[in-house]
């Protein structure tokens, strides 16, 4: 490697480290948010409404969770993908 390449690589790494160090405080969660994430919510606290498009309309998270519990996905019905290797 020539000297210019080494200088470019080292300076690129230093710039990346400085940028990561500068944005790290904005990516962390405060203690209140961490505590809230540790406690599971009750099902009644999910009052969010979700738009599922023109065909299905809006529904609540409670309805979606109830449907999932009543109709769990069957892993045996997923199609098996057959991969063929044709060479070069």
N, C-alpha and C. Protein backbone atom coordinates (compact mmCIF):
# COMPACT_ATOMS: atom_id res chain seq x y z
N UNK A 1 0.84 -1.18 0.00
CA UNK A 1 0.00 0.00 0.00
C UNK A 1 0.88 1.24 0.00
N UNK A 2 0.43 2.19 -0.72
CA UNK A 2 1.21 3.43 -0.69
C UNK A 2 0.75 4.32 0.46
N UNK A 3 1.47 5.36 0.70
CA UNK A 3 1.24 6.21 1.86
C UNK A 3 -0.11 6.91 1.80
N UNK A 4 -0.53 7.34 0.63
CA UNK A 4 -1.82 8.03 0.49
C UNK A 4 -2.99 7.11 0.88
N UNK A 5 -2.92 5.85 0.50
CA UNK A 5 -3.97 4.90 0.84
C UNK A 5 -4.06 4.69 2.34
N UNK A 6 -2.93 4.56 3.00
CA UNK A 6 -2.92 4.36 4.45
C UNK A 6 -3.49 5.59 5.15
N UNK A 7 -3.11 6.77 4.72
CA UNK A 7 -3.63 8.00 5.32
C UNK A 7 -5.14 8.10 5.10
N UNK A 8 -5.61 7.75 3.91
CA UNK A 8 -7.05 7.78 3.63
C UNK A 8 -7.81 6.80 4.53
N UNK A 9 -7.31 5.59 4.68
CA UNK A 9 -7.98 4.58 5.51
C UNK A 9 -8.04 5.02 6.97
N UNK A 10 -6.94 5.50 7.48
CA UNK A 10 -6.91 5.92 8.88
C UNK A 10 -7.82 7.13 9.10
N UNK A 11 -7.79 8.08 8.20
CA UNK A 11 -8.65 9.26 8.37
C UNK A 11 -10.12 8.90 8.22
N UNK A 12 -10.45 7.96 7.35
CA UNK A 12 -11.83 7.52 7.21
C UNK A 12 -12.32 6.86 8.49
N UNK A 13 -11.50 6.02 9.09
CA UNK A 13 -11.87 5.38 10.35
C UNK A 13 -12.03 6.41 11.46
N UNK A 14 -11.16 7.38 11.53
CA UNK A 14 -11.26 8.40 12.57
C UNK A 14 -12.52 9.24 12.39
N UNK A 15 -12.84 9.60 11.17
CA UNK A 15 -14.05 10.37 10.91
C UNK A 15 -15.28 9.56 11.30
N UNK A 16 -15.30 8.28 10.96
CA UNK A 16 -16.44 7.43 11.31
C UNK A 16 -16.59 7.31 12.82
N UNK A 17 -15.49 7.17 13.54
CA UNK A 17 -15.55 7.06 15.00
C UNK A 17 -16.05 8.37 15.61
N UNK A 18 -15.59 9.49 15.09
CA UNK A 18 -16.05 10.79 15.60
C UNK A 18 -17.55 10.98 15.35
N UNK A 19 -18.02 10.60 14.18
CA UNK A 19 -19.44 10.73 13.87
C UNK A 19 -20.27 9.83 14.79
N UNK A 20 -19.82 8.59 14.99
CA UNK A 20 -20.55 7.68 15.88
C UNK A 20 -20.57 8.19 17.31
N UNK A 21 -19.45 8.73 17.77
CA UNK A 21 -19.40 9.28 19.12
C UNK A 21 -20.29 10.50 19.26
N UNK A 22 -20.42 11.28 18.20
CA UNK A 22 -21.25 12.48 18.25
C UNK A 22 -22.74 12.15 18.29
N UNK A 23 -23.18 11.10 17.60
CA UNK A 23 -24.61 10.78 17.55
C UNK A 23 -25.03 9.75 18.59
N UNK A 24 -24.10 9.17 19.32
CA UNK A 24 -24.45 8.15 20.31
C UNK A 24 -25.39 8.67 21.40
N UNK A 25 -25.18 9.84 21.96
CA UNK A 25 -26.10 10.31 23.01
C UNK A 25 -27.54 10.45 22.53
N UNK A 26 -27.75 10.71 21.26
CA UNK A 26 -29.11 10.85 20.74
C UNK A 26 -29.78 9.50 20.49
N UNK A 27 -29.02 8.43 20.47
CA UNK A 27 -29.59 7.12 20.19
C UNK A 27 -29.90 6.32 21.44
N UNK A 28 -29.51 6.80 22.60
CA UNK A 28 -29.77 6.07 23.84
C UNK A 28 -31.13 6.45 24.40
N UNK A 29 -31.68 5.55 25.19
CA UNK A 29 -32.96 5.78 25.85
C UNK A 29 -32.71 6.23 27.28
N UNK A 30 -33.58 7.09 27.78
CA UNK A 30 -33.42 7.50 29.17
C UNK A 30 -33.98 6.42 30.10
N UNK A 31 -33.75 6.57 31.39
CA UNK A 31 -34.11 5.53 32.36
C UNK A 31 -35.62 5.32 32.43
N UNK A 32 -36.41 6.38 32.25
CA UNK A 32 -37.86 6.24 32.28
C UNK A 32 -38.36 5.35 31.13
N UNK A 33 -37.81 5.56 29.94
CA UNK A 33 -38.21 4.74 28.80
C UNK A 33 -37.76 3.30 28.97
N UNK A 34 -36.57 3.08 29.52
CA UNK A 34 -36.10 1.71 29.75
C UNK A 34 -36.99 0.98 30.75
N UNK A 35 -37.40 1.67 31.80
CA UNK A 35 -38.29 1.05 32.79
C UNK A 35 -39.65 0.73 32.18
N UNK A 36 -40.15 1.60 31.32
CA UNK A 36 -41.43 1.35 30.67
C UNK A 36 -41.36 0.15 29.74
N UNK A 37 -40.22 -0.06 29.12
CA UNK A 37 -40.08 -1.20 28.21
C UNK A 37 -39.94 -2.53 28.94
N UNK A 38 -39.54 -2.50 30.19
CA UNK A 38 -39.35 -3.73 30.96
C UNK A 38 -40.67 -4.30 31.48
N UNK A 39 -41.70 -3.46 31.57
CA UNK A 39 -42.99 -3.90 32.10
C UNK A 39 -43.93 -4.22 30.94
N UNK A 40 -44.47 -5.45 30.91
CA UNK A 40 -45.42 -5.77 29.83
C UNK A 40 -46.74 -5.03 30.03
N UNK A 41 -47.36 -4.65 28.93
CA UNK A 41 -48.65 -3.97 28.98
C UNK A 41 -49.77 -5.00 29.06
N UNK A 42 -50.85 -4.57 29.67
CA UNK A 42 -52.06 -5.39 29.67
C UNK A 42 -52.73 -5.25 28.31
N UNK A 43 -53.52 -6.20 27.94
CA UNK A 43 -54.15 -6.18 26.62
C UNK A 43 -55.09 -4.99 26.46
N UNK A 44 -55.71 -4.54 27.54
CA UNK A 44 -56.64 -3.42 27.46
C UNK A 44 -55.95 -2.10 27.20
N UNK A 45 -54.65 -2.02 27.42
CA UNK A 45 -53.91 -0.78 27.22
C UNK A 45 -53.53 -0.54 25.76
N UNK A 46 -53.75 -1.51 24.90
CA UNK A 46 -53.45 -1.35 23.47
C UNK A 46 -54.68 -0.78 22.77
N UNK A 47 -54.88 0.52 22.85
CA UNK A 47 -56.04 1.14 22.24
C UNK A 47 -55.72 1.76 20.88
N UNK A 48 -54.62 1.34 20.29
CA UNK A 48 -54.18 1.88 19.01
C UNK A 48 -55.00 1.27 17.87
N UNK A 49 -55.38 2.10 16.92
CA UNK A 49 -56.11 1.64 15.75
C UNK A 49 -55.16 1.61 14.57
N UNK A 50 -55.21 0.54 13.78
CA UNK A 50 -54.29 0.33 12.66
C UNK A 50 -55.09 0.27 11.37
N UNK A 51 -54.63 0.99 10.36
CA UNK A 51 -55.26 0.96 9.05
C UNK A 51 -54.63 -0.16 8.23
N UNK A 52 -55.43 -1.13 7.82
CA UNK A 52 -54.95 -2.28 7.07
C UNK A 52 -55.22 -2.15 5.57
N UNK A 53 -55.51 -0.97 5.11
CA UNK A 53 -55.72 -0.77 3.69
C UNK A 53 -57.19 -0.64 3.34
N UNK A 54 -57.45 -0.47 2.06
CA UNK A 54 -58.82 -0.28 1.61
C UNK A 54 -59.66 -1.54 1.74
N UNK A 55 -59.06 -2.70 1.58
CA UNK A 55 -59.82 -3.95 1.63
C UNK A 55 -60.28 -4.29 3.04
N UNK A 56 -59.40 -4.11 4.03
CA UNK A 56 -59.72 -4.54 5.40
C UNK A 56 -60.11 -3.40 6.32
N UNK A 57 -59.77 -2.18 5.99
CA UNK A 57 -60.16 -1.03 6.80
C UNK A 57 -59.33 -0.91 8.07
N UNK A 58 -59.90 -0.25 9.08
CA UNK A 58 -59.20 -0.04 10.34
C UNK A 58 -59.63 -1.07 11.36
N UNK A 59 -58.70 -1.48 12.17
CA UNK A 59 -58.98 -2.40 13.26
C UNK A 59 -58.06 -2.07 14.42
N UNK A 60 -58.40 -2.55 15.59
CA UNK A 60 -57.59 -2.26 16.77
C UNK A 60 -56.57 -3.36 16.99
N UNK A 61 -55.56 -3.05 17.78
CA UNK A 61 -54.53 -4.04 18.10
C UNK A 61 -55.14 -5.19 18.90
N UNK A 62 -56.11 -4.88 19.73
CA UNK A 62 -56.77 -5.93 20.53
C UNK A 62 -57.45 -6.94 19.61
N UNK A 63 -58.13 -6.45 18.57
CA UNK A 63 -58.79 -7.37 17.62
C UNK A 63 -57.77 -8.21 16.87
N UNK A 64 -56.65 -7.59 16.47
CA UNK A 64 -55.61 -8.35 15.76
C UNK A 64 -55.01 -9.43 16.65
N UNK A 65 -54.74 -9.09 17.90
CA UNK A 65 -54.17 -10.09 18.82
C UNK A 65 -55.17 -11.21 19.10
N UNK A 66 -56.45 -10.88 19.25
CA UNK A 66 -57.47 -11.90 19.48
C UNK A 66 -57.58 -12.83 18.28
N UNK A 67 -57.54 -12.26 17.07
CA UNK A 67 -57.60 -13.09 15.87
C UNK A 67 -56.39 -14.02 15.77
N UNK A 68 -55.21 -13.49 16.11
CA UNK A 68 -54.00 -14.31 16.06
C UNK A 68 -54.06 -15.44 17.08
N UNK A 69 -54.59 -15.16 18.27
CA UNK A 69 -54.68 -16.21 19.28
C UNK A 69 -55.70 -17.28 18.90
N UNK A 70 -56.79 -16.86 18.25
CA UNK A 70 -57.80 -17.83 17.83
C UNK A 70 -57.39 -18.60 16.58
N UNK A 71 -56.58 -17.99 15.72
CA UNK A 71 -56.17 -18.60 14.45
C UNK A 71 -54.65 -18.52 14.31
N UNK A 72 -53.91 -19.33 15.07
CA UNK A 72 -52.44 -19.24 14.96
C UNK A 72 -51.97 -19.73 13.59
N UNK A 73 -50.86 -19.19 13.11
CA UNK A 73 -50.36 -19.62 11.81
C UNK A 73 -49.88 -21.07 11.88
N UNK A 74 -50.17 -21.80 10.84
CA UNK A 74 -49.76 -23.20 10.76
C UNK A 74 -48.44 -23.27 10.00
N UNK A 75 -47.41 -23.70 10.68
CA UNK A 75 -46.10 -23.72 10.03
C UNK A 75 -45.99 -24.84 8.99
N UNK A 76 -46.89 -25.81 9.03
CA UNK A 76 -46.83 -26.90 8.06
C UNK A 76 -47.39 -26.49 6.70
N UNK A 77 -48.13 -25.40 6.64
CA UNK A 77 -48.74 -24.98 5.37
C UNK A 77 -47.82 -24.10 4.54
N UNK A 78 -46.69 -23.72 5.08
CA UNK A 78 -45.79 -22.87 4.30
C UNK A 78 -45.17 -23.70 3.18
N UNK A 79 -45.13 -23.16 1.97
CA UNK A 79 -44.58 -23.93 0.85
C UNK A 79 -43.08 -24.09 0.97
N UNK A 80 -42.63 -25.28 0.63
CA UNK A 80 -41.20 -25.56 0.65
C UNK A 80 -40.61 -25.13 -0.68
N UNK A 81 -39.60 -24.31 -0.63
CA UNK A 81 -38.96 -23.82 -1.84
C UNK A 81 -37.89 -24.83 -2.26
N UNK A 82 -38.03 -25.35 -3.48
CA UNK A 82 -37.06 -26.28 -4.00
C UNK A 82 -36.03 -25.48 -4.79
N UNK A 83 -34.81 -25.56 -4.39
CA UNK A 83 -33.76 -24.81 -5.08
C UNK A 83 -32.99 -25.75 -5.98
N UNK A 84 -32.82 -25.31 -7.19
CA UNK A 84 -32.08 -26.11 -8.17
C UNK A 84 -30.80 -25.38 -8.51
N UNK A 85 -29.73 -26.12 -8.49
CA UNK A 85 -28.47 -25.54 -8.85
C UNK A 85 -28.15 -25.95 -10.28
N UNK A 86 -28.04 -24.95 -11.15
CA UNK A 86 -27.82 -25.24 -12.55
C UNK A 86 -26.37 -25.13 -12.98
N UNK A 87 -25.52 -24.73 -12.08
CA UNK A 87 -24.11 -24.58 -12.45
C UNK A 87 -23.86 -23.27 -13.16
N UNK A 88 -22.73 -23.21 -13.81
CA UNK A 88 -22.34 -21.96 -14.48
C UNK A 88 -23.02 -21.82 -15.83
